[in-house]
Amino acid sequence: MATNFGWSALASYNYDLYKRQDIESMIGAEYDAGCWTAQMMFHRLQLATT
């Protein structure tokens, strides 16, 4: 049984060098208390405009 409780986080960012614009960004956090967990995430994705 793992006893790895506490906070963890992730982040990702994609950028188009040719078009000079953001493509996708993501950030999230999780708290593990052993008997319960809570997660929160923000995700932004550039959609096609043409």
PDB file of N, CA and C in Angstrom:
ATOM      1  N   MET A   1       0.838  -1.186   0.000  1.00  0.00           N
ATOM      2  CA  MET A   1       0.000   0.000   0.000  1.00  0.00           C
ATOM      3  C   MET A   1       0.881   1.246   0.000  1.00  0.00           C
ATOM      4  N   ALA A   2       0.620   2.149  -0.909  1.00  0.00           N
ATOM      5  CA  ALA A   2       1.423   3.368  -1.018  1.00  0.00           C
ATOM      6  C   ALA A   2       0.992   4.394   0.025  1.00  0.00           C
ATOM      7  N   THR A   3       1.952   5.084   0.578  1.00  0.00           N
ATOM      8  CA  THR A   3       1.658   6.150   1.543  1.00  0.00           C
ATOM      9  C   THR A   3       2.182   7.473   1.016  1.00  0.00           C
ATOM     10  N   ASN A   4       1.906   7.748  -0.239  1.00  0.00           N
ATOM     11  CA  ASN A   4       2.408   8.943  -0.907  1.00  0.00           C
ATOM     12  C   ASN A   4       1.320  10.007  -0.921  1.00  0.00           C
ATOM     13  N   PHE A   5       1.033  10.620   0.232  1.00  0.00           N
ATOM     14  CA  PHE A   5      -0.034  11.610   0.347  1.00  0.00           C
ATOM     15  C   PHE A   5       0.529  13.016   0.155  1.00  0.00           C
ATOM     16  N   GLY A   6      -0.330  13.945  -0.242  1.00  0.00           N
ATOM     17  CA  GLY A   6       0.082  15.334  -0.369  1.00  0.00           C
ATOM     18  C   GLY A   6      -0.291  15.924  -1.715  1.00  0.00           C
ATOM     19  N   TRP A   7       0.439  16.937  -2.093  1.00  0.00           N
ATOM     20  CA  TRP A   7       0.146  17.693  -3.300  1.00  0.00           C
ATOM     21  C   TRP A   7       0.945  17.186  -4.494  1.00  0.00           C
ATOM     22  N   SER A   8       0.327  17.262  -5.670  1.00  0.00           N
ATOM     23  CA  SER A   8       1.030  17.032  -6.927  1.00  0.00           C
ATOM     24  C   SER A   8       0.461  17.998  -7.956  1.00  0.00           C
ATOM     25  N   ALA A   9       1.270  18.312  -8.969  1.00  0.00           N
ATOM     26  CA  ALA A   9       0.857  19.301  -9.965  1.00  0.00           C
ATOM     27  C   ALA A   9       1.372  18.904 -11.343  1.00  0.00           C
ATOM     28  N   LEU A  10       0.721  19.463 -12.370  1.00  0.00           N
ATOM     29  CA  LEU A  10       1.188  19.266 -13.734  1.00  0.00           C
ATOM     30  C   LEU A  10       0.951  20.532 -14.526  1.00  0.00           C
ATOM     31  N   ALA A  11       1.738  20.696 -15.583  1.00  0.00           N
ATOM     32  CA  ALA A  11       1.588  21.851 -16.470  1.00  0.00           C
ATOM     33  C   ALA A  11       2.088  21.471 -17.857  1.00  0.00           C
ATOM     34  N   SER A  12       1.460  22.054 -18.876  1.00  0.00           N
ATOM     35  CA  SER A  12       1.849  21.823 -20.252  1.00  0.00           C
ATOM     36  C   SER A  12       1.552  23.082 -21.059  1.00  0.00           C
ATOM     37  N   TYR A  13       2.426  23.381 -22.042  1.00  0.00           N
ATOM     38  CA  TYR A  13       2.254  24.577 -22.862  1.00  0.00           C
ATOM     39  C   TYR A  13       2.760  24.283 -24.271  1.00  0.00           C
ATOM     40  N   ASN A  14       1.928  24.550 -25.271  1.00  0.00           N
ATOM     41  CA  ASN A  14       2.308  24.349 -26.670  1.00  0.00           C
ATOM     42  C   ASN A  14       2.178  25.673 -27.409  1.00  0.00           C
ATOM     43  N   TYR A  15       3.205  26.001 -28.190  1.00  0.00           N
ATOM     44  CA  TYR A  15       3.265  27.272 -28.896  1.00  0.00           C
ATOM     45  C   TYR A  15       3.698  27.019 -30.332  1.00  0.00           C
ATOM     46  N   ASP A  16       3.013  27.647 -31.283  1.00  0.00           N
ATOM     47  CA  ASP A  16       3.352  27.525 -32.702  1.00  0.00           C
ATOM     48  C   ASP A  16       4.360  28.615 -33.053  1.00  0.00           C
ATOM     49  N   LEU A  17       5.588  28.226 -33.394  1.00  0.00           N
ATOM     50  CA  LEU A  17       6.635  29.201 -33.703  1.00  0.00           C
ATOM     51  C   LEU A  17       6.386  29.910 -35.036  1.00  0.00           C
ATOM     52  N   TYR A  18       5.784  29.211 -35.998  1.00  0.00           N
ATOM     53  CA  TYR A  18       5.556  29.804 -37.317  1.00  0.00           C
ATOM     54  C   TYR A  18       4.431  30.836 -37.288  1.00  0.00           C
ATOM     55  N   LYS A  19       3.318  30.495 -36.634  1.00  0.00           N
ATOM     56  CA  LYS A  19       2.184  31.414 -36.550  1.00  0.00           C
ATOM     57  C   LYS A  19       2.289  32.379 -35.377  1.00  0.00           C
ATOM     58  N   ARG A  20       3.237  32.110 -34.484  1.00  0.00           N
ATOM     59  CA  ARG A  20       3.466  32.939 -33.289  1.00  0.00           C
ATOM     60  C   ARG A  20       2.199  33.103 -32.455  1.00  0.00           C
ATOM     61  N   GLN A  21       1.628  31.955 -32.072  1.00  0.00           N
ATOM     62  CA  GLN A  21       0.431  31.983 -31.233  1.00  0.00           C
ATOM     63  C   GLN A  21       0.386  30.750 -30.330  1.00  0.00           C
ATOM     64  N   ASP A  22      -0.342  30.884 -29.238  1.00  0.00           N
ATOM     65  CA  ASP A  22      -0.550  29.765 -28.330  1.00  0.00           C
ATOM     66  C   ASP A  22      -1.445  28.735 -28.999  1.00  0.00           C
ATOM     67  N   ILE A  23      -1.142  27.467 -28.786  1.00  0.00           N
ATOM     68  CA  ILE A  23      -1.988  26.391 -29.288  1.00  0.00           C
ATOM     69  C   ILE A  23      -2.789  25.782 -28.144  1.00  0.00           C
ATOM     70  N   GLU A  24      -2.091  25.461 -27.064  1.00  0.00           N
ATOM     71  CA  GLU A  24      -2.738  24.784 -25.951  1.00  0.00           C
ATOM     72  C   GLU A  24      -1.965  25.042 -24.671  1.00  0.00           C
ATOM     73  N   SER A  25      -2.688  25.230 -23.579  1.00  0.00           N
ATOM     74  CA  SER A  25      -2.057  25.340 -22.262  1.00  0.00           C
ATOM     75  C   SER A  25      -2.921  24.606 -21.241  1.00  0.00           C
ATOM     76  N   MET A  26      -2.248  24.027 -20.263  1.00  0.00           N
ATOM     77  CA  MET A  26      -2.936  23.237 -19.263  1.00  0.00           C
ATOM     78  C   MET A  26      -2.177  23.326 -17.949  1.00  0.00           C
ATOM     79  N   ILE A  27      -2.920  23.460 -16.856  1.00  0.00           N
ATOM     80  CA  ILE A  27      -2.324  23.442 -15.520  1.00  0.00           C
ATOM     81  C   ILE A  27      -3.306  22.757 -14.574  1.00  0.00           C
ATOM     82  N   GLY A  28      -2.778  21.982 -13.658  1.00  0.00           N
ATOM     83  CA  GLY A  28      -3.643  21.259 -12.735  1.00  0.00           C
ATOM     84  C   GLY A  28      -2.945  20.959 -11.425  1.00  0.00           C
ATOM     85  N   ALA A  29      -3.748  20.669 -10.417  1.00  0.00           N
ATOM     86  CA  ALA A  29      -3.232  20.329  -9.093  1.00  0.00           C
ATOM     87  C   ALA A  29      -4.113  19.250  -8.479  1.00  0.00           C
ATOM     88  N   GLU A  30      -3.518  18.427  -7.636  1.00  0.00           N
ATOM     89  CA  GLU A  30      -4.243  17.366  -6.943  1.00  0.00           C
ATOM     90  C   GLU A  30      -3.758  17.294  -5.503  1.00  0.00           C
ATOM     91  N   TYR A  31      -4.705  17.065  -4.585  1.00  0.00           N
ATOM     92  CA  TYR A  31      -4.363  16.821  -3.198  1.00  0.00           C
ATOM     93  C   TYR A  31      -4.872  15.442  -2.815  1.00  0.00           C
ATOM     94  N   ASP A  32      -3.994  14.613  -2.293  1.00  0.00           N
ATOM     95  CA  ASP A  32      -4.348  13.255  -1.872  1.00  0.00           C
ATOM     96  C   ASP A  32      -4.222  13.172  -0.358  1.00  0.00           C
ATOM     97  N   ALA A  33      -5.344  12.965   0.311  1.00  0.00           N
ATOM     98  CA  ALA A  33      -5.349  12.874   1.772  1.00  0.00           C
ATOM     99  C   ALA A  33      -5.394  11.428   2.254  1.00  0.00           C
ATOM    100  N   GLY A  34      -5.283  10.473   1.350  1.00  0.00           N
ATOM    101  CA  GLY A  34      -5.316   9.074   1.732  1.00  0.00           C
ATOM    102  C   GLY A  34      -6.701   8.476   1.565  1.00  0.00           C
ATOM    103  N   CYS A  35      -7.690   9.013   2.253  1.00  0.00           N
ATOM    104  CA  CYS A  35      -9.050   8.487   2.137  1.00  0.00           C
ATOM    105  C   CYS A  35      -9.884   9.286   1.134  1.00  0.00           C
ATOM    106  N   TRP A  36      -9.399  10.422   0.672  1.00  0.00           N
ATOM    107  CA  TRP A  36     -10.094  11.208  -0.353  1.00  0.00           C
ATOM    108  C   TRP A  36      -9.069  12.006  -1.157  1.00  0.00           C
ATOM    109  N   THR A  37      -9.461  12.409  -2.356  1.00  0.00           N
ATOM    110  CA  THR A  37      -8.607  13.239  -3.201  1.00  0.00           C
ATOM    111  C   THR A  37      -9.436  14.376  -3.793  1.00  0.00           C
ATOM    112  N   ALA A  38      -8.762  15.459  -4.113  1.00  0.00           N
ATOM    113  CA  ALA A  38      -9.399  16.589  -4.789  1.00  0.00           C
ATOM    114  C   ALA A  38      -8.502  16.987  -5.960  1.00  0.00           C
ATOM    115  N   GLN A  39      -9.119  17.213  -7.110  1.00  0.00           N
ATOM    116  CA  GLN A  39      -8.377  17.587  -8.311  1.00  0.00           C
ATOM    117  C   GLN A  39      -8.989  18.835  -8.920  1.00  0.00           C
ATOM    118  N   MET A  40      -8.122  19.689  -9.490  1.00  0.00           N
ATOM    119  CA  MET A  40      -8.571  20.877 -10.187  1.00  0.00           C
ATOM    120  C   MET A  40      -7.686  21.037 -11.420  1.00  0.00           C
ATOM    121  N   MET A  41      -8.314  21.388 -12.553  1.00  0.00           N
ATOM    122  CA  MET A  41      -7.563  21.497 -13.792  1.00  0.00           C
ATOM    123  C   MET A  41      -8.117  22.625 -14.648  1.00  0.00           C
ATOM    124  N   PHE A  42      -7.219  23.347 -15.317  1.00  0.00           N
ATOM    125  CA  PHE A  42      -7.572  24.384 -16.273  1.00  0.00           C
ATOM    126  C   PHE A  42      -6.938  24.008 -17.602  1.00  0.00           C
ATOM    127  N   HIS A  43      -7.755  23.973 -18.669  1.00  0.00           N
ATOM    128  CA  HIS A  43      -7.278  23.583 -19.985  1.00  0.00           C
ATOM    129  C   HIS A  43      -7.758  24.603 -21.001  1.00  0.00           C
ATOM    130  N   ARG A  44      -6.853  25.143 -21.797  1.00  0.00           N
ATOM    131  CA  ARG A  44      -7.190  26.124 -22.818  1.00  0.00           C
ATOM    132  C   ARG A  44      -6.664  25.614 -24.150  1.00  0.00           C
ATOM    133  N   LEU A  45      -7.552  25.583 -25.163  1.00  0.00           N
ATOM    134  CA  LEU A  45      -7.203  25.049 -26.469  1.00  0.00           C
ATOM    135  C   LEU A  45      -7.611  26.059 -27.532  1.00  0.00           C
ATOM    136  N   GLN A  46      -6.692  26.392 -28.435  1.00  0.00           N
ATOM    137  CA  GLN A  46      -6.967  27.303 -29.542  1.00  0.00           C
ATOM    138  C   GLN A  46      -7.723  26.538 -30.615  1.00  0.00           C
ATOM    139  N   LEU A  47      -8.901  27.008 -30.978  1.00  0.00           N
ATOM    140  CA  LEU A  47      -9.698  26.356 -32.013  1.00  0.00           C
ATOM    141  C   LEU A  47      -9.440  27.021 -33.361  1.00  0.00           C
ATOM    142  N   ALA A  48      -9.697  26.285 -34.433  1.00  0.00           N
ATOM    143  CA  ALA A  48      -9.526  26.826 -35.787  1.00  0.00           C
ATOM    144  C   ALA A  48     -10.530  27.936 -36.027  1.00  0.00           C
ATOM    145  N   THR A  49     -10.090  29.020 -36.655  1.00  0.00           N
ATOM    146  CA  THR A  49     -10.970  30.165 -36.897  1.00  0.00           C
ATOM    147  C   THR A  49     -11.323  30.309 -38.365  1.00  0.00           C
ATOM    148  N   THR A  50     -10.800  29.456 -39.229  1.00  0.00           N
ATOM    149  CA  THR A  50     -11.106  29.574 -40.661  1.00  0.00           C
ATOM    150  C   THR A  50     -11.900  28.380 -41.132  1.00  0.00           C
TER     151      THR A  50
END
